[in-house]
């Protein structure tokens, strides 16, 4: 394996990590902004209030997106270990 191939594998692995984690992070961001907006409108200044809705939304998103995430990771693993060529 050459240095260029190893660099390409690492680059593809990092891109895959970003693609797989992005939906849950975006959902956490949106829920956090909505809860912060509600806190600002109602003047509730409880710092722990944002934690439970964000974690709950991210867990639900992970459960719903699990087939998609699994398929993406399986495709990546097959491409990496099967043929040695990246998708």
C-alpha atoms as a PDB file:
ATOM      1  CA  UNK A   1       0.000   0.000   0.000  1.00  0.00           C
ATOM      2  CA  UNK A   2       1.418   3.336  -0.996  1.00  0.00           C
ATOM      3  CA  UNK A   3       1.273   6.547   0.980  1.00  0.00           C
ATOM      4  CA  UNK A   4      -1.270   7.949  -1.484  1.00  0.00           C
ATOM      5  CA  UNK A   5      -3.608   4.964  -0.979  1.00  0.00           C
ATOM      6  CA  UNK A   6      -3.317   5.188   2.809  1.00  0.00           C
ATOM      7  CA  UNK A   7      -4.054   8.904   2.680  1.00  0.00           C
ATOM      8  CA  UNK A   8      -7.098   8.257   0.494  1.00  0.00           C
ATOM      9  CA  UNK A   9      -8.410   5.587   2.905  1.00  0.00           C
ATOM     10  CA  UNK A  10      -8.051   7.970   5.853  1.00  0.00           C
ATOM     11  CA  UNK A  11      -9.744  10.775   3.923  1.00  0.00           C
ATOM     12  CA  UNK A  12     -12.663   8.518   2.978  1.00  0.00           C
ATOM     13  CA  UNK A  13     -12.973   7.275   6.586  1.00  0.00           C
ATOM     14  CA  UNK A  14     -13.162  10.842   7.899  1.00  0.00           C
ATOM     15  CA  UNK A  15     -15.734  11.800   5.270  1.00  0.00           C
ATOM     16  CA  UNK A  16     -17.786   8.711   6.185  1.00  0.00           C
ATOM     17  CA  UNK A  17     -17.661   9.669   9.871  1.00  0.00           C
ATOM     18  CA  UNK A  18     -18.902  13.158   9.021  1.00  0.00           C
ATOM     19  CA  UNK A  19     -21.690  11.879   6.768  1.00  0.00           C
ATOM     20  CA  UNK A  20     -22.895   9.321   9.317  1.00  0.00           C
ATOM     21  CA  UNK A  21     -22.837  11.715  12.281  1.00  0.00           C
ATOM     22  CA  UNK A  22     -24.164  14.822  10.504  1.00  0.00           C
ATOM     23  CA  UNK A  23     -27.919  14.057  10.696  1.00  0.00           C
ATOM     24  CA  UNK A  24     -27.853  13.508  14.463  1.00  0.00           C
ATOM     25  CA  UNK A  25     -25.714  16.581  15.043  1.00  0.00           C
ATOM     26  CA  UNK A  26     -28.019  18.743  12.918  1.00  0.00           C
ATOM     27  CA  UNK A  27     -31.063  17.459  14.809  1.00  0.00           C
ATOM     28  CA  UNK A  28     -29.340  18.229  18.114  1.00  0.00           C
ATOM     29  CA  UNK A  29     -28.510  21.710  16.863  1.00  0.00           C
ATOM     30  CA  UNK A  30     -32.073  22.433  15.731  1.00  0.00           C
ATOM     31  CA  UNK A  31     -33.599  21.137  18.978  1.00  0.00           C
ATOM     32  CA  UNK A  32     -31.078  23.161  20.986  1.00  0.00           C
ATOM     33  CA  UNK A  33     -31.940  26.353  19.104  1.00  0.00           C
ATOM     34  CA  UNK A  34     -35.682  25.768  19.535  1.00  0.00           C
ATOM     35  CA  UNK A  35     -35.331  25.086  23.264  1.00  0.00           C
ATOM     36  CA  UNK A  36     -33.085  28.146  23.672  1.00  0.00           C
ATOM     37  CA  UNK A  37     -35.646  30.259  21.839  1.00  0.00           C
ATOM     38  CA  UNK A  38     -38.413  28.975  24.127  1.00  0.00           C
ATOM     39  CA  UNK A  39     -36.212  29.716  27.141  1.00  0.00           C
ATOM     40  CA  UNK A  40     -35.594  33.258  25.920  1.00  0.00           C
ATOM     41  CA  UNK A  41     -39.286  33.859  25.257  1.00  0.00           C
ATOM     42  CA  UNK A  42     -40.419  32.515  28.623  1.00  0.00           C
ATOM     43  CA  UNK A  43     -37.387  33.833  30.549  1.00  0.00           C
ATOM     44  CA  UNK A  44     -36.680  30.412  32.032  1.00  0.00           C
ATOM     45  CA  UNK A  45     -32.959  30.339  32.738  1.00  0.00           C
ATOM     46  CA  UNK A  46     -32.447  26.681  33.615  1.00  0.00           C
ATOM     47  CA  UNK A  47     -29.196  25.421  32.088  1.00  0.00           C
ATOM     48  CA  UNK A  48     -30.090  21.726  32.284  1.00  0.00           C
ATOM     49  CA  UNK A  49     -33.384  22.195  30.430  1.00  0.00           C
ATOM     50  CA  UNK A  50     -31.722  21.932  27.012  1.00  0.00           C
ATOM     51  CA  UNK A  51     -29.950  18.665  27.811  1.00  0.00           C
ATOM     52  CA  UNK A  52     -32.911  16.265  27.984  1.00  0.00           C
ATOM     53  CA  UNK A  53     -34.674  17.340  24.748  1.00  0.00           C
ATOM     54  CA  UNK A  54     -31.411  17.337  22.771  1.00  0.00           C
ATOM     55  CA  UNK A  55     -30.323  13.926  23.998  1.00  0.00           C
ATOM     56  CA  UNK A  56     -33.819  12.505  23.479  1.00  0.00           C
ATOM     57  CA  UNK A  57     -34.002  13.862  19.923  1.00  0.00           C
ATOM     58  CA  UNK A  58     -30.553  12.541  19.079  1.00  0.00           C
ATOM     59  CA  UNK A  59     -31.361   9.070  20.448  1.00  0.00           C
ATOM     60  CA  UNK A  60     -34.617   8.953  18.465  1.00  0.00           C
ATOM     61  CA  UNK A  61     -32.742  10.109  15.353  1.00  0.00           C
ATOM     62  CA  UNK A  62     -30.092   7.424  15.885  1.00  0.00           C
ATOM     63  CA  UNK A  63     -32.773   4.738  16.176  1.00  0.00           C
ATOM     64  CA  UNK A  64     -34.629   5.960  13.087  1.00  0.00           C
ATOM     65  CA  UNK A  65     -31.452   6.404  11.028  1.00  0.00           C
ATOM     66  CA  UNK A  66     -29.840   3.123  12.121  1.00  0.00           C
ATOM     67  CA  UNK A  67     -30.682   1.226   8.883  1.00  0.00           C
ATOM     68  CA  UNK A  68     -29.280   4.056   6.761  1.00  0.00           C
ATOM     69  CA  UNK A  69     -26.140   4.336   8.903  1.00  0.00           C
ATOM     70  CA  UNK A  70     -25.646   0.576   8.851  1.00  0.00           C
ATOM     71  CA  UNK A  71     -26.008   0.436   5.073  1.00  0.00           C
ATOM     72  CA  UNK A  72     -23.502   3.257   4.583  1.00  0.00           C
ATOM     73  CA  UNK A  73     -20.970   1.569   6.861  1.00  0.00           C
ATOM     74  CA  UNK A  74     -21.484  -1.832   5.221  1.00  0.00           C
ATOM     75  CA  UNK A  75     -20.983  -0.314   1.760  1.00  0.00           C
ATOM     76  CA  UNK A  76     -17.810   1.376   2.973  1.00  0.00           C
ATOM     77  CA  UNK A  77     -16.471  -1.821   4.568  1.00  0.00           C
ATOM     78  CA  UNK A  78     -17.259  -3.899   1.475  1.00  0.00           C
ATOM     79  CA  UNK A  79     -15.554  -1.354  -0.757  1.00  0.00           C
ATOM     80  CA  UNK A  80     -12.530  -1.137   1.505  1.00  0.00           C
ATOM     81  CA  UNK A  81     -11.993  -4.813   2.303  1.00  0.00           C
ATOM     82  CA  UNK A  82     -13.563  -6.395  -0.750  1.00  0.00           C
ATOM     83  CA  UNK A  83     -12.001  -4.745  -3.757  1.00  0.00           C
ATOM     84  CA  UNK A  84      -9.591  -2.289  -2.228  1.00  0.00           C
ATOM     85  CA  UNK A  85     -11.194   0.486  -4.252  1.00  0.00           C
ATOM     86  CA  UNK A  86     -13.027   3.310  -2.557  1.00  0.00           C
ATOM     87  CA  UNK A  87     -16.590   4.196  -3.602  1.00  0.00           C
END
